[in-house]
Structure formats: C-alpha cells, structure tokens
Amino acid sequence: MTTSTLQIATETPFGSAPLAGAAVDLRVEARRFLGGLALASSFGLALGLRFGLVSMAAHAAAVPLAPLAVGALGAPAFYVGLLHSGLEIDPRVLAATVAGGVRIGGLVLAGLAPAMALLALSCEDLDGVRIYAGMGLAAGGVLGLRAIFRALPAAATNNAKLLLLKSCFLLFSALLALRVWWVALPVFGGAR
C-alpha cells in the first residue's frame, strides 16, 4: 500500500492532523492515540522475545509508556508554550496533532518489530540488543515528533520563539522518553 493509496483511503494526507478550521472528533483522535500505543507495544513484544513470555509482556507494556508520558505531560506544557509565543491553536487540534504523532511513532516501531525480533534472538550478547533497541526506540520517537511538528499550522514555523519552543519540547520529550524507557524496560535494567 503506497502513501497515495492511504491518502485516498483516508481522504486526508498521511500523517497530518486536521487543520484549525476542520472539526476534530476527540473519540477518533483517542482511537488514533491508543492505536499508536498498541502498535508500539509490538516492538516491546519483539524486544522481549529473547527472554521468554513474561519478559515479552513486560516489554510490551513498557514500550508505550514513553509516548503516553509525552502525550500526558508534555502536550499540555507545549500547548501553554504555544499560547505564550503568540500562536492561537485549538486544544483539540493540538490533541489531534499529538495523536497523529503517536500513531506515526507506533507505526515506525511496529515496522521495526520484525527486525528487532530477529536481532533480539540472534545477537550474542545483551549489549547488542540494547544498542539496537535504543536505535529503534529513538527512530520511532524522532519520527513521531517530526509528525507532530509537521502537522502544526503553518504559522508555527515562522517565528523564532516557536522554533525555540519546539526545540525545548523536543529536548523535554527525548529526556522524558529516555528516562521512562530506562526505568521501565527490563532490557535496560529497569522493572526487575
């Protein structure tokens, strides 16, 4: 299925949130958000494959915690920062944007899950698994944040204050996700 097929199927550009003038259905956005979390958990299943069923369940539960934390803690702060920097945005549009970013991040992690399963089973030592897991989680997080930033209205790209705000949100999201995954994922030594 190509991007153009997805655009035709959904009647909206792939990876974009509704514009400020469009109506936002929060139930649909909540489904997108939860779907992204469910897709991200497939990466956790693949990551825990090396260690057994209990570890698979623990990793599957822990991987979606970082996007959930960024959505629950970072998005409200980002909204307040957007208002302080002069961009009037409907909170429902920002919620839709964050839900789209979590969905894209989940899709990336779900796409990397088969490769992670192969690497988790074939790496000789645990350090290799940790490195590949970190790279996969970073790829999902970066592409999810990229989707959030690209779906913001065009006015959000023309201001130096907004660029600084985006940089701060990027740094906050990266540090929060790193901390959550470090504490929660057994492969990194957490949740023992």
Foldseek 3Di string as FASTA:
>chain_A
DDQVVVCVVVVHRQLAFDDQPDDFDVVVLVVLQVLLLQLLLLLLLLLQLLPDDVLSVLRSVQRSPLLVCCLVPVLVVLQVLCVVVPHDGDSSRLSSLSSSLSNQLSVQSNVCSVVLNVCNNPDPDLVSNVVVSVVSSVVSNVSSLVSSVVNYDPVLPPDPSSVVSSVVSSVVSVVSSVVSCCQRRVSNPHDD
